[in-house]
Amino acid sequence: TSFLTFYYSTKLVNTPNHCYTQIQAAILKH
């Protein structure tokens, strides 16, 4: 459930933090 909410938050919200964005991309890629 938390992973699903995390996925939707990444699709809706763009963060300026480059490091955090890379971590999100790595998680969502797998």
mmCIF file of all heavy atoms, coordinates in Angstrom:
data_MODEL
# 
_entry.id   MODEL 
# 
loop_
_atom_site.group_PDB 
_atom_site.id 
_atom_site.type_symbol 
_atom_site.label_atom_id 
_atom_site.label_alt_id 
_atom_site.label_comp_id 
_atom_site.label_asym_id 
_atom_site.label_entity_id 
_atom_site.label_seq_id 
_atom_site.pdbx_PDB_ins_code 
_atom_site.Cartn_x 
_atom_site.Cartn_y 
_atom_site.Cartn_z 
_atom_site.occupancy 
_atom_site.B_iso_or_equiv 
_atom_site.pdbx_formal_charge 
_atom_site.auth_seq_id 
_atom_site.auth_comp_id 
_atom_site.auth_asym_id 
_atom_site.auth_atom_id 
_atom_site.pdbx_PDB_model_num 
ATOM 1   N N   . THR A 1 1  ? 0.830  -1.211 0.000   1.00 0.00 ? 1  THR A N   1 
ATOM 2   C CA  . THR A 1 1  ? 0.000  0.000  0.000   1.00 0.00 ? 1  THR A CA  1 
ATOM 3   C C   . THR A 1 1  ? 0.863  1.258  0.000   1.00 0.00 ? 1  THR A C   1 
ATOM 4   O O   . THR A 1 1  ? 0.612  2.203  -0.748  1.00 0.00 ? 1  THR A O   1 
ATOM 5   C CB  . THR A 1 1  ? -0.933 0.011  1.218   1.00 0.00 ? 1  THR A CB  1 
ATOM 6   O OG1 . THR A 1 1  ? -1.653 -1.222 1.284   1.00 0.00 ? 1  THR A OG1 1 
ATOM 7   C CG2 . THR A 1 1  ? -1.926 1.155  1.130   1.00 0.00 ? 1  THR A CG2 1 
ATOM 8   N N   . SER A 1 2  ? 1.892  1.265  0.848   1.00 0.00 ? 2  SER A N   1 
ATOM 9   C CA  . SER A 1 2  ? 2.777  2.441  0.897   1.00 0.00 ? 2  SER A CA  1 
ATOM 10  C C   . SER A 1 2  ? 3.570  2.583  -0.394  1.00 0.00 ? 2  SER A C   1 
ATOM 11  O O   . SER A 1 2  ? 3.810  3.708  -0.865  1.00 0.00 ? 2  SER A O   1 
ATOM 12  C CB  . SER A 1 2  ? 3.717  2.339  2.091   1.00 0.00 ? 2  SER A CB  1 
ATOM 13  O OG  . SER A 1 2  ? 4.559  1.212  1.980   1.00 0.00 ? 2  SER A OG  1 
ATOM 14  N N   . PHE A 1 3  ? 3.959  1.471  -1.002  1.00 0.00 ? 3  PHE A N   1 
ATOM 15  C CA  . PHE A 1 3  ? 4.691  1.516  -2.266  1.00 0.00 ? 3  PHE A CA  1 
ATOM 16  C C   . PHE A 1 3  ? 3.808  2.086  -3.378  1.00 0.00 ? 3  PHE A C   1 
ATOM 17  O O   . PHE A 1 3  ? 4.270  2.864  -4.223  1.00 0.00 ? 3  PHE A O   1 
ATOM 18  C CB  . PHE A 1 3  ? 5.181  0.112  -2.628  1.00 0.00 ? 3  PHE A CB  1 
ATOM 19  C CG  . PHE A 1 3  ? 6.117  0.058  -3.801  1.00 0.00 ? 3  PHE A CG  1 
ATOM 20  C CD1 . PHE A 1 3  ? 6.979  1.114  -4.091  1.00 0.00 ? 3  PHE A CD1 1 
ATOM 21  C CD2 . PHE A 1 3  ? 6.150  -1.054 -4.634  1.00 0.00 ? 3  PHE A CD2 1 
ATOM 22  C CE1 . PHE A 1 3  ? 7.854  1.066  -5.166  1.00 0.00 ? 3  PHE A CE1 1 
ATOM 23  C CE2 . PHE A 1 3  ? 7.022  -1.109 -5.705  1.00 0.00 ? 3  PHE A CE2 1 
ATOM 24  C CZ  . PHE A 1 3  ? 7.870  -0.047 -5.979  1.00 0.00 ? 3  PHE A CZ  1 
ATOM 25  N N   . LEU A 1 4  ? 2.532  1.713  -3.371  1.00 0.00 ? 4  LEU A N   1 
ATOM 26  C CA  . LEU A 1 4  ? 1.602  2.245  -4.368  1.00 0.00 ? 4  LEU A CA  1 
ATOM 27  C C   . LEU A 1 4  ? 1.433  3.759  -4.192  1.00 0.00 ? 4  LEU A C   1 
ATOM 28  O O   . LEU A 1 4  ? 1.439  4.510  -5.182  1.00 0.00 ? 4  LEU A O   1 
ATOM 29  C CB  . LEU A 1 4  ? 0.253  1.544  -4.250  1.00 0.00 ? 4  LEU A CB  1 
ATOM 30  C CG  . LEU A 1 4  ? -0.830 1.983  -5.238  1.00 0.00 ? 4  LEU A CG  1 
ATOM 31  C CD1 . LEU A 1 4  ? -0.426 1.658  -6.666  1.00 0.00 ? 4  LEU A CD1 1 
ATOM 32  C CD2 . LEU A 1 4  ? -2.166 1.318  -4.901  1.00 0.00 ? 4  LEU A CD2 1 
ATOM 33  N N   . THR A 1 5  ? 1.296  4.198  -2.942  1.00 0.00 ? 5  THR A N   1 
ATOM 34  C CA  . THR A 1 5  ? 1.179  5.637  -2.684  1.00 0.00 ? 5  THR A CA  1 
ATOM 35  C C   . THR A 1 5  ? 2.451  6.366  -3.102  1.00 0.00 ? 5  THR A C   1 
ATOM 36  O O   . THR A 1 5  ? 2.398  7.471  -3.663  1.00 0.00 ? 5  THR A O   1 
ATOM 37  C CB  . THR A 1 5  ? 0.899  5.883  -1.191  1.00 0.00 ? 5  THR A CB  1 
ATOM 38  O OG1 . THR A 1 5  ? -0.186 5.055  -0.769  1.00 0.00 ? 5  THR A OG1 1 
ATOM 39  C CG2 . THR A 1 5  ? 0.534  7.333  -0.941  1.00 0.00 ? 5  THR A CG2 1 
ATOM 40  N N   . PHE A 1 6  ? 3.606  5.750  -2.821  1.00 0.00 ? 6  PHE A N   1 
ATOM 41  C CA  . PHE A 1 6  ? 4.880  6.332  -3.231  1.00 0.00 ? 6  PHE A CA  1 
ATOM 42  C C   . PHE A 1 6  ? 4.958  6.458  -4.752  1.00 0.00 ? 6  PHE A C   1 
ATOM 43  O O   . PHE A 1 6  ? 5.409  7.477  -5.286  1.00 0.00 ? 6  PHE A O   1 
ATOM 44  C CB  . PHE A 1 6  ? 6.027  5.458  -2.720  1.00 0.00 ? 6  PHE A CB  1 
ATOM 45  C CG  . PHE A 1 6  ? 7.383  5.818  -3.253  1.00 0.00 ? 6  PHE A CG  1 
ATOM 46  C CD1 . PHE A 1 6  ? 8.077  6.906  -2.749  1.00 0.00 ? 6  PHE A CD1 1 
ATOM 47  C CD2 . PHE A 1 6  ? 7.967  5.069  -4.264  1.00 0.00 ? 6  PHE A CD2 1 
ATOM 48  C CE1 . PHE A 1 6  ? 9.329  7.240  -3.243  1.00 0.00 ? 6  PHE A CE1 1 
ATOM 49  C CE2 . PHE A 1 6  ? 9.209  5.395  -4.762  1.00 0.00 ? 6  PHE A CE2 1 
ATOM 50  C CZ  . PHE A 1 6  ? 9.889  6.491  -4.249  1.00 0.00 ? 6  PHE A CZ  1 
ATOM 51  N N   . TYR A 1 7  ? 4.478  5.434  -5.462  1.00 0.00 ? 7  TYR A N   1 
ATOM 52  C CA  . TYR A 1 7  ? 4.498  5.475  -6.924  1.00 0.00 ? 7  TYR A CA  1 
ATOM 53  C C   . TYR A 1 7  ? 3.646  6.630  -7.447  1.00 0.00 ? 7  TYR A C   1 
ATOM 54  O O   . TYR A 1 7  ? 4.089  7.391  -8.326  1.00 0.00 ? 7  TYR A O   1 
ATOM 55  C CB  . TYR A 1 7  ? 3.998  4.147  -7.485  1.00 0.00 ? 7  TYR A CB  1 
ATOM 56  C CG  . TYR A 1 7  ? 3.769  4.183  -8.981  1.00 0.00 ? 7  TYR A CG  1 
ATOM 57  C CD1 . TYR A 1 7  ? 4.837  4.086  -9.865  1.00 0.00 ? 7  TYR A CD1 1 
ATOM 58  C CD2 . TYR A 1 7  ? 2.490  4.354  -9.504  1.00 0.00 ? 7  TYR A CD2 1 
ATOM 59  C CE1 . TYR A 1 7  ? 4.633  4.142  -11.236 1.00 0.00 ? 7  TYR A CE1 1 
ATOM 60  C CE2 . TYR A 1 7  ? 2.281  4.404  -10.866 1.00 0.00 ? 7  TYR A CE2 1 
ATOM 61  C CZ  . TYR A 1 7  ? 3.354  4.296  -11.731 1.00 0.00 ? 7  TYR A CZ  1 
ATOM 62  O OH  . TYR A 1 7  ? 3.153  4.362  -13.092 1.00 0.00 ? 7  TYR A OH  1 
ATOM 63  N N   . TYR A 1 8  ? 2.434  6.774  -6.909  1.00 0.00 ? 8  TYR A N   1 
ATOM 64  C CA  . TYR A 1 8  ? 1.573  7.851  -7.384  1.00 0.00 ? 8  TYR A CA  1 
ATOM 65  C C   . TYR A 1 8  ? 2.142  9.226  -7.036  1.00 0.00 ? 8  TYR A C   1 
ATOM 66  O O   . TYR A 1 8  ? 1.983  10.179 -7.811  1.00 0.00 ? 8  TYR A O   1 
ATOM 67  C CB  . TYR A 1 8  ? 0.164  7.693  -6.802  1.00 0.00 ? 8  TYR A CB  1 
ATOM 68  C CG  . TYR A 1 8  ? -0.648 6.637  -7.504  1.00 0.00 ? 8  TYR A CG  1 
ATOM 69  C CD1 . TYR A 1 8  ? -1.257 5.604  -6.801  1.00 0.00 ? 8  TYR A CD1 1 
ATOM 70  C CD2 . TYR A 1 8  ? -0.803 6.665  -8.889  1.00 0.00 ? 8  TYR A CD2 1 
ATOM 71  C CE1 . TYR A 1 8  ? -2.002 4.632  -7.455  1.00 0.00 ? 8  TYR A CE1 1 
ATOM 72  C CE2 . TYR A 1 8  ? -1.541 5.702  -9.548  1.00 0.00 ? 8  TYR A CE2 1 
ATOM 73  C CZ  . TYR A 1 8  ? -2.139 4.682  -8.828  1.00 0.00 ? 8  TYR A CZ  1 
ATOM 74  O OH  . TYR A 1 8  ? -2.863 3.719  -9.476  1.00 0.00 ? 8  TYR A OH  1 
ATOM 75  N N   . SER A 1 9  ? 2.799  9.341  -5.900  1.00 0.00 ? 9  SER A N   1 
ATOM 76  C CA  . SER A 1 9  ? 3.396  10.632 -5.547  1.00 0.00 ? 9  SER A CA  1 
ATOM 77  C C   . SER A 1 9  ? 4.521  10.995 -6.506  1.00 0.00 ? 9  SER A C   1 
ATOM 78  O O   . SER A 1 9  ? 4.704  12.173 -6.850  1.00 0.00 ? 9  SER A O   1 
ATOM 79  C CB  . SER A 1 9  ? 3.914  10.602 -4.110  1.00 0.00 ? 9  SER A CB  1 
ATOM 80  O OG  . SER A 1 9  ? 5.049  9.772  -3.991  1.00 0.00 ? 9  SER A OG  1 
ATOM 81  N N   . THR A 1 10 ? 5.289  9.997  -6.965  1.00 0.00 ? 10 THR A N   1 
ATOM 82  C CA  . THR A 1 10 ? 6.357  10.286 -7.925  1.00 0.00 ? 10 THR A CA  1 
ATOM 83  C C   . THR A 1 10 ? 5.803  10.681 -9.288  1.00 0.00 ? 10 THR A C   1 
ATOM 84  O O   . THR A 1 10 ? 6.427  11.468 -10.009 1.00 0.00 ? 10 THR A O   1 
ATOM 85  C CB  . THR A 1 10 ? 7.272  9.062  -8.098  1.00 0.00 ? 10 THR A CB  1 
ATOM 86  O OG1 . THR A 1 10 ? 6.498  7.947  -8.553  1.00 0.00 ? 10 THR A OG1 1 
ATOM 87  C CG2 . THR A 1 10 ? 7.954  8.696  -6.789  1.00 0.00 ? 10 THR A CG2 1 
ATOM 88  N N   . LYS A 1 11 ? 4.623  10.141 -9.631  1.00 0.00 ? 11 LYS A N   1 
ATOM 89  C CA  . LYS A 1 11 ? 4.025  10.492 -10.916 1.00 0.00 ? 11 LYS A CA  1 
ATOM 90  C C   . LYS A 1 11 ? 3.391  11.877 -10.888 1.00 0.00 ? 11 LYS A C   1 
ATOM 91  O O   . LYS A 1 11 ? 3.307  12.553 -11.915 1.00 0.00 ? 11 LYS A O   1 
ATOM 92  C CB  . LYS A 1 11 ? 2.971  9.456  -11.314 1.00 0.00 ? 11 LYS A CB  1 
ATOM 93  C CG  . LYS A 1 11 ? 3.499  8.029  -11.432 1.00 0.00 ? 11 LYS A CG  1 
ATOM 94  C CD  . LYS A 1 11 ? 4.554  7.895  -12.515 1.00 0.00 ? 11 LYS A CD  1 
ATOM 95  C CE  . LYS A 1 11 ? 3.968  7.976  -13.895 1.00 0.00 ? 11 LYS A CE  1 
ATOM 96  N NZ  . LYS A 1 11 ? 4.969  7.745  -14.950 1.00 0.00 ? 11 LYS A NZ  1 
ATOM 97  N N   . LEU A 1 12 ? 2.938  12.292 -9.714  1.00 0.00 ? 12 LEU A N   1 
ATOM 98  C CA  . LEU A 1 12 ? 2.231  13.568 -9.609  1.00 0.00 ? 12 LEU A CA  1 
ATOM 99  C C   . LEU A 1 12 ? 3.144  14.735 -9.267  1.00 0.00 ? 12 LEU A C   1 
ATOM 100 O O   . LEU A 1 12 ? 2.911  15.862 -9.695  1.00 0.00 ? 12 LEU A O   1 
ATOM 101 C CB  . LEU A 1 12 ? 1.134  13.467 -8.540  1.00 0.00 ? 12 LEU A CB  1 
ATOM 102 C CG  . LEU A 1 12 ? -0.037 12.525 -8.837  1.00 0.00 ? 12 LEU A CG  1 
ATOM 103 C CD1 . LEU A 1 12 ? -0.898 12.331 -7.602  1.00 0.00 ? 12 LEU A CD1 1 
ATOM 104 C CD2 . LEU A 1 12 ? -0.886 13.070 -9.977  1.00 0.00 ? 12 LEU A CD2 1 
ATOM 105 N N   . VAL A 1 13 ? 4.193  14.463 -8.479  1.00 0.00 ? 13 VAL A N   1 
ATOM 106 C CA  . VAL A 1 13 ? 5.009  15.536 -7.924  1.00 0.00 ? 13 VAL A CA  1 
ATOM 107 C C   . VAL A 1 13 ? 6.410  15.480 -8.518  1.00 0.00 ? 13 VAL A C   1 
ATOM 108 O O   . VAL A 1 13 ? 7.043  14.422 -8.535  1.00 0.00 ? 13 VAL A O   1 
ATOM 109 C CB  . VAL A 1 13 ? 5.091  15.429 -6.385  1.00 0.00 ? 13 VAL A CB  1 
ATOM 110 C CG1 . VAL A 1 13 ? 5.899  16.594 -5.805  1.00 0.00 ? 13 VAL A CG1 1 
ATOM 111 C CG2 . VAL A 1 13 ? 3.699  15.386 -5.777  1.00 0.00 ? 13 VAL A CG2 1 
ATOM 112 N N   . ASN A 1 14 ? 6.888  16.600 -8.996  1.00 0.00 ? 14 ASN A N   1 
ATOM 113 C CA  . ASN A 1 14 ? 8.263  16.731 -9.481  1.00 0.00 ? 14 ASN A CA  1 
ATOM 114 C C   . ASN A 1 14 ? 9.111  17.414 -8.409  1.00 0.00 ? 14 ASN A C   1 
ATOM 115 O O   . ASN A 1 14 ? 8.778  18.511 -7.956  1.00 0.00 ? 14 ASN A O   1 
ATOM 116 C CB  . ASN A 1 14 ? 8.297  17.561 -10.772 1.00 0.00 ? 14 ASN A CB  1 
ATOM 117 C CG  . ASN A 1 14 ? 7.609  16.846 -11.920 1.00 0.00 ? 14 ASN A CG  1 
ATOM 118 O OD1 . ASN A 1 14 ? 7.714  15.641 -12.058 1.00 0.00 ? 14 ASN A OD1 1 
ATOM 119 N ND2 . ASN A 1 14 ? 6.872  17.605 -12.729 1.00 0.00 ? 14 ASN A ND2 1 
ATOM 120 N N   . THR A 1 15 ? 10.189 16.760 -7.997  1.00 0.00 ? 15 THR A N   1 
ATOM 121 C CA  . THR A 1 15 ? 11.062 17.321 -6.965  1.00 0.00 ? 15 THR A CA  1 
ATOM 122 C C   . THR A 1 15 ? 12.336 17.866 -7.602  1.00 0.00 ? 15 THR A C   1 
ATOM 123 O O   . THR A 1 15 ? 12.888 17.243 -8.522  1.00 0.00 ? 15 THR A O   1 
ATOM 124 C CB  . THR A 1 15 ? 11.445 16.239 -5.934  1.00 0.00 ? 15 THR A CB  1 
ATOM 125 O OG1 . THR A 1 15 ? 12.070 15.149 -6.617  1.00 0.00 ? 15 THR A OG1 1 
ATOM 126 C CG2 . THR A 1 15 ? 10.210 15.732 -5.206  1.00 0.00 ? 15 THR A CG2 1 
ATOM 127 N N   . PRO A 1 16 ? 12.836 19.001 -7.113  1.00 0.00 ? 16 PRO A N   1 
ATOM 128 C CA  . PRO A 1 16 ? 14.059 19.568 -7.678  1.00 0.00 ? 16 PRO A CA  1 
ATOM 129 C C   . PRO A 1 16 ? 15.326 18.858 -7.232  1.00 0.00 ? 16 PRO A C   1 
ATOM 130 O O   . PRO A 1 16 ? 16.397 19.076 -7.795  1.00 0.00 ? 16 PRO A O   1 
ATOM 131 C CB  . PRO A 1 16 ? 14.037 21.014 -7.156  1.00 0.00 ? 16 PRO A CB  1 
ATOM 132 C CG  . PRO A 1 16 ? 13.253 20.941 -5.889  1.00 0.00 ? 16 PRO A CG  1 
ATOM 133 C CD  . PRO A 1 16 ? 12.229 19.866 -6.094  1.00 0.00 ? 16 PRO A CD  1 
ATOM 134 N N   . ASN A 1 17 ? 15.217 17.994 -6.210  1.00 0.00 ? 17 ASN A N   1 
ATOM 135 C CA  . ASN A 1 17 ? 16.401 17.298 -5.688  1.00 0.00 ? 17 ASN A CA  1 
ATOM 136 C C   . ASN A 1 17 ? 16.822 16.204 -6.663  1.00 0.00 ? 17 ASN A C   1 
ATOM 137 O O   . ASN A 1 17 ? 16.124 15.208 -6.853  1.00 0.00 ? 17 ASN A O   1 
ATOM 138 C CB  . ASN A 1 17 ? 16.081 16.691 -4.311  1.00 0.00 ? 17 ASN A CB  1 
ATOM 139 C CG  . ASN A 1 17 ? 17.322 16.194 -3.608  1.00 0.00 ? 17 ASN A CG  1 
ATOM 140 O OD1 . ASN A 1 17 ? 18.230 15.636 -4.223  1.00 0.00 ? 17 ASN A OD1 1 
ATOM 141 N ND2 . ASN A 1 17 ? 17.367 16.405 -2.294  1.00 0.00 ? 17 ASN A ND2 1 
ATOM 142 N N   . HIS A 1 18 ? 18.011 16.382 -7.270  1.00 0.00 ? 18 HIS A N   1 
ATOM 143 C CA  . HIS A 1 18 ? 18.464 15.442 -8.304  1.00 0.00 ? 18 HIS A CA  1 
ATOM 144 C C   . HIS A 1 18 ? 18.751 14.068 -7.718  1.00 0.00 ? 18 HIS A C   1 
ATOM 145 O O   . HIS A 1 18 ? 18.422 13.037 -8.323  1.00 0.00 ? 18 HIS A O   1 
ATOM 146 C CB  . HIS A 1 18 ? 19.709 15.995 -8.981  1.00 0.00 ? 18 HIS A CB  1 
ATOM 147 C CG  . HIS A 1 18 ? 20.214 15.122 -10.095 1.00 0.00 ? 18 HIS A CG  1 
ATOM 148 N ND1 . HIS A 1 18 ? 19.489 14.886 -11.251 1.00 0.00 ? 18 HIS A ND1 1 
ATOM 149 C CD2 . HIS A 1 18 ? 21.373 14.405 -10.215 1.00 0.00 ? 18 HIS A CD2 1 
ATOM 150 C CE1 . HIS A 1 18 ? 20.172 14.067 -12.045 1.00 0.00 ? 18 HIS A CE1 1 
ATOM 151 N NE2 . HIS A 1 18 ? 21.320 13.771 -11.432 1.00 0.00 ? 18 HIS A NE2 1 
ATOM 152 N N   . CYS A 1 19 ? 19.378 14.023 -6.538  1.00 0.00 ? 19 CYS A N   1 
ATOM 153 C CA  . CYS A 1 19 ? 19.708 12.737 -5.917  1.00 0.00 ? 19 CYS A CA  1 
ATOM 154 C C   . CYS A 1 19 ? 18.440 11.956 -5.589  1.00 0.00 ? 19 CYS A C   1 
ATOM 155 O O   . CYS A 1 19 ? 18.346 10.760 -5.860  1.00 0.00 ? 19 CYS A O   1 
ATOM 156 C CB  . CYS A 1 19 ? 20.541 12.975 -4.651  1.00 0.00 ? 19 CYS A CB  1 
ATOM 157 S SG  . CYS A 1 19 ? 21.004 11.464 -3.785  1.00 0.00 ? 19 CYS A SG  1 
ATOM 158 N N   . TYR A 1 20 ? 17.439 12.636 -5.017  1.00 0.00 ? 20 TYR A N   1 
ATOM 159 C CA  . TYR A 1 20 ? 16.182 11.986 -4.675  1.00 0.00 ? 20 TYR A CA  1 
ATOM 160 C C   . TYR A 1 20 ? 15.467 11.497 -5.927  1.00 0.00 ? 20 TYR A C   1 
ATOM 161 O O   . TYR A 1 20 ? 14.880 10.412 -5.938  1.00 0.00 ? 20 TYR A O   1 
ATOM 162 C CB  . TYR A 1 20 ? 15.303 12.968 -3.903  1.00 0.00 ? 20 TYR A CB  1 
ATOM 163 C CG  . TYR A 1 20 ? 13.986 12.395 -3.439  1.00 0.00 ? 20 TYR A CG  1 
ATOM 164 C CD1 . TYR A 1 20 ? 13.941 11.437 -2.431  1.00 0.00 ? 20 TYR A CD1 1 
ATOM 165 C CD2 . TYR A 1 20 ? 12.787 12.803 -4.008  1.00 0.00 ? 20 TYR A CD2 1 
ATOM 166 C CE1 . TYR A 1 20 ? 12.739 10.908 -2.004  1.00 0.00 ? 20 TYR A CE1 1 
ATOM 167 C CE2 . TYR A 1 20 ? 11.576 12.283 -3.586  1.00 0.00 ? 20 TYR A CE2 1 
ATOM 168 C CZ  . TYR A 1 20 ? 11.564 11.339 -2.585  1.00 0.00 ? 20 TYR A CZ  1 
ATOM 169 O OH  . TYR A 1 20 ? 10.373 10.801 -2.164  1.00 0.00 ? 20 TYR A OH  1 
ATOM 170 N N   . THR A 1 21 ? 15.560 12.283 -7.001  1.00 0.00 ? 21 THR A N   1 
ATOM 171 C CA  . THR A 1 21 ? 14.932 11.891 -8.259  1.00 0.00 ? 21 THR A CA  1 
ATOM 172 C C   . THR A 1 21 ? 15.572 10.625 -8.814  1.00 0.00 ? 21 THR A C   1 
ATOM 173 O O   . THR A 1 21 ? 14.873 9.738  -9.340  1.00 0.00 ? 21 THR A O   1 
ATOM 174 C CB  . THR A 1 21 ? 15.040 13.029 -9.286  1.00 0.00 ? 21 THR A CB  1 
ATOM 175 O OG1 . THR A 1 21 ? 14.460 14.215 -8.740  1.00 0.00 ? 21 THR A OG1 1 
ATOM 176 C CG2 . THR A 1 21 ? 14.321 12.666 -10.574 1.00 0.00 ? 21 THR A CG2 1 
ATOM 177 N N   . GLN A 1 22 ? 16.887 10.503 -8.694  1.00 0.00 ? 22 GLN A N   1 
ATOM 178 C CA  . GLN A 1 22 ? 17.571 9.299  -9.176  1.00 0.00 ? 22 GLN A CA  1 
ATOM 179 C C   . GLN A 1 22 ? 17.169 8.074  -8.370  1.00 0.00 ? 22 GLN A C   1 
ATOM 180 O O   . GLN A 1 22 ? 16.999 6.979  -8.927  1.00 0.00 ? 22 GLN A O   1 
ATOM 181 C CB  . GLN A 1 22 ? 19.089 9.508  -9.104  1.00 0.00 ? 22 GLN A CB  1 
ATOM 182 C CG  . GLN A 1 22 ? 19.645 10.423 -10.186 1.00 0.00 ? 22 GLN A CG  1 
ATOM 183 C CD  . GLN A 1 22 ? 21.164 10.489 -10.151 1.00 0.00 ? 22 GLN A CD  1 
ATOM 184 O OE1 . GLN A 1 22 ? 21.782 10.408 -9.083  1.00 0.00 ? 22 GLN A OE1 1 
ATOM 185 N NE2 . GLN A 1 22 ? 21.775 10.630 -11.303 1.00 0.00 ? 22 GLN A NE2 1 
ATOM 186 N N   . ILE A 1 23 ? 17.031 8.254  -7.063  1.00 0.00 ? 23 ILE A N   1 
ATOM 187 C CA  . ILE A 1 23 ? 16.603 7.125  -6.222  1.00 0.00 ? 23 ILE A CA  1 
ATOM 188 C C   . ILE A 1 23 ? 15.198 6.684  -6.619  1.00 0.00 ? 23 ILE A C   1 
ATOM 189 O O   . ILE A 1 23 ? 14.910 5.484  -6.743  1.00 0.00 ? 23 ILE A O   1 
ATOM 190 C CB  . ILE A 1 23 ? 16.651 7.527  -4.732  1.00 0.00 ? 23 ILE A CB  1 
ATOM 191 C CG1 . ILE A 1 23 ? 18.099 7.799  -4.299  1.00 0.00 ? 23 ILE A CG1 1 
ATOM 192 C CG2 . ILE A 1 23 ? 16.033 6.441  -3.864  1.00 0.00 ? 23 ILE A CG2 1 
ATOM 193 C CD1 . ILE A 1 23 ? 18.225 8.344  -2.894  1.00 0.00 ? 23 ILE A CD1 1 
ATOM 194 N N   . GLN A 1 24 ? 14.302 7.648  -6.831  1.00 0.00 ? 24 GLN A N   1 
ATOM 195 C CA  . GLN A 1 24 ? 12.940 7.323  -7.262  1.00 0.00 ? 24 GLN A CA  1 
ATOM 196 C C   . GLN A 1 24 ? 12.942 6.565  -8.585  1.00 0.00 ? 24 GLN A C   1 
ATOM 197 O O   . GLN A 1 24 ? 12.249 5.550  -8.740  1.00 0.00 ? 24 GLN A O   1 
ATOM 198 C CB  . GLN A 1 24 ? 12.125 8.605  -7.422  1.00 0.00 ? 24 GLN A CB  1 
ATOM 199 C CG  . GLN A 1 24 ? 11.726 9.265  -6.117  1.00 0.00 ? 24 GLN A CG  1 
ATOM 200 C CD  . GLN A 1 24 ? 10.941 10.539 -6.355  1.00 0.00 ? 24 GLN A CD  1 
ATOM 201 O OE1 . GLN A 1 24 ? 11.163 11.226 -7.342  1.00 0.00 ? 24 GLN A OE1 1 
ATOM 202 N NE2 . GLN A 1 24 ? 10.038 10.867 -5.457  1.00 0.00 ? 24 GLN A NE2 1 
ATOM 203 N N   . ALA A 1 25 ? 13.758 7.039  -9.534  1.00 0.00 ? 25 ALA A N   1 
ATOM 204 C CA  . ALA A 1 25 ? 13.810 6.395  -10.850 1.00 0.00 ? 25 ALA A CA  1 
ATOM 205 C C   . ALA A 1 25 ? 14.327 4.966  -10.735 1.00 0.00 ? 25 ALA A C   1 
ATOM 206 O O   . ALA A 1 25 ? 13.831 4.058  -11.410 1.00 0.00 ? 25 ALA A O   1 
ATOM 207 C CB  . ALA A 1 25 ? 14.683 7.215  -11.796 1.00 0.00 ? 25 ALA A CB  1 
ATOM 208 N N   . ALA A 1 26 ? 15.331 4.765  -9.877  1.00 0.00 ? 26 ALA A N   1 
ATOM 209 C CA  . ALA A 1 26 ? 15.891 3.424  -9.709  1.00 0.00 ? 26 ALA A CA  1 
ATOM 210 C C   . ALA A 1 26 ? 14.864 2.464  -9.113  1.00 0.00 ? 26 ALA A C   1 
ATOM 211 O O   . ALA A 1 26 ? 14.768 1.299  -9.526  1.00 0.00 ? 26 ALA A O   1 
ATOM 212 C CB  . ALA A 1 26 ? 17.131 3.488  -8.818  1.00 0.00 ? 26 ALA A CB  1 
ATOM 213 N N   . ILE A 1 27 ? 14.093 2.962  -8.147  1.00 0.00 ? 27 ILE A N   1 
ATOM 214 C CA  . ILE A 1 27 ? 13.069 2.104  -7.525  1.00 0.00 ? 27 ILE A CA  1 
ATOM 215 C C   . ILE A 1 27 ? 11.962 1.775  -8.518  1.00 0.00 ? 27 ILE A C   1 
ATOM 216 O O   . ILE A 1 27 ? 11.549 0.612  -8.658  1.00 0.00 ? 27 ILE A O   1 
ATOM 217 C CB  . ILE A 1 27 ? 12.490 2.791  -6.270  1.00 0.00 ? 27 ILE A CB  1 
ATOM 218 C CG1 . ILE A 1 27 ? 13.580 2.924  -5.194  1.00 0.00 ? 27 ILE A CG1 1 
ATOM 219 C CG2 . ILE A 1 27 ? 11.298 2.011  -5.727  1.00 0.00 ? 27 ILE A CG2 1 
ATOM 220 C CD1 . ILE A 1 27 ? 13.139 3.717  -3.974  1.00 0.00 ? 27 ILE A CD1 1 
ATOM 221 N N   . LEU A 1 28 ? 11.487 2.785  -9.212  1.00 0.00 ? 28 LEU A N   1 
ATOM 222 C CA  . LEU A 1 28 ? 10.369 2.589  -10.137 1.00 0.00 ? 28 LEU A CA  1 
ATOM 223 C C   . LEU A 1 28 ? 10.773 1.766  -11.360 1.00 0.00 ? 28 LEU A C   1 
ATOM 224 O O   . LEU A 1 28 ? 9.919  1.161  -12.007 1.00 0.00 ? 28 LEU A O   1 
ATOM 225 C CB  . LEU A 1 28 ? 9.810  3.943  -10.570 1.00 0.00 ? 28 LEU A CB  1 
ATOM 226 C CG  . LEU A 1 28 ? 9.218  4.793  -9.445  1.00 0.00 ? 28 LEU A CG  1 
ATOM 227 C CD1 . LEU A 1 28 ? 8.745  6.130  -9.976  1.00 0.00 ? 28 LEU A CD1 1 
ATOM 228 C CD2 . LEU A 1 28 ? 8.060  4.062  -8.768  1.00 0.00 ? 28 LEU A CD2 1 
ATOM 229 N N   . LYS A 1 29 ? 12.069 1.754  -11.662 1.00 0.00 ? 29 LYS A N   1 
ATOM 230 C CA  . LYS A 1 29 ? 12.533 0.961  -12.792 1.00 0.00 ? 29 LYS A CA  1 
ATOM 231 C C   . LYS A 1 29 ? 12.464 -0.524 -12.493 1.00 0.00 ? 29 LYS A C   1 
ATOM 232 O O   . LYS A 1 29 ? 12.382 -1.355 -13.401 1.00 0.00 ? 29 LYS A O   1 
ATOM 233 C CB  . LYS A 1 29 ? 13.969 1.367  -13.146 1.00 0.00 ? 29 LYS A CB  1 
ATOM 234 C CG  . LYS A 1 29 ? 14.496 0.738  -14.413 1.00 0.00 ? 29 LYS A CG  1 
ATOM 235 C CD  . LYS A 1 29 ? 15.906 1.229  -14.723 1.00 0.00 ? 29 LYS A CD  1 
ATOM 236 C CE  . LYS A 1 29 ? 16.458 0.589  -15.985 1.00 0.00 ? 29 LYS A CE  1 
ATOM 237 N NZ  . LYS A 1 29 ? 17.844 1.057  -16.271 1.00 0.00 ? 29 LYS A NZ  1 
ATOM 238 N N   . HIS A 1 30 ? 12.493 -0.873 -11.219 1.00 0.00 ? 30 HIS A N   1 
ATOM 239 C CA  . HIS A 1 30 ? 12.476 -2.279 -10.804 1.00 0.00 ? 30 HIS A CA  1 
ATOM 240 C C   . HIS A 1 30 ? 11.248 -2.552 -9.934  1.00 0.00 ? 30 HIS A C   1 
ATOM 241 O O   . HIS A 1 30 ? 11.357 -3.115 -8.840  1.00 0.00 ? 30 HIS A O   1 
ATOM 242 C CB  . HIS A 1 30 ? 13.758 -2.627 -10.053 1.00 0.00 ? 30 HIS A CB  1 
ATOM 243 C CG  . HIS A 1 30 ? 15.014 -2.382 -10.828 1.00 0.00 ? 30 HIS A CG  1 
ATOM 244 N ND1 . HIS A 1 30 ? 15.691 -1.181 -10.792 1.00 0.00 ? 30 HIS A ND1 1 
ATOM 245 C CD2 . HIS A 1 30 ? 15.693 -3.185 -11.699 1.00 0.00 ? 30 HIS A CD2 1 
ATOM 246 C CE1 . HIS A 1 30 ? 16.758 -1.257 -11.579 1.00 0.00 ? 30 HIS A CE1 1 
ATOM 247 N NE2 . HIS A 1 30 ? 16.778 -2.457 -12.143 1.00 0.00 ? 30 HIS A NE2 1 
# 
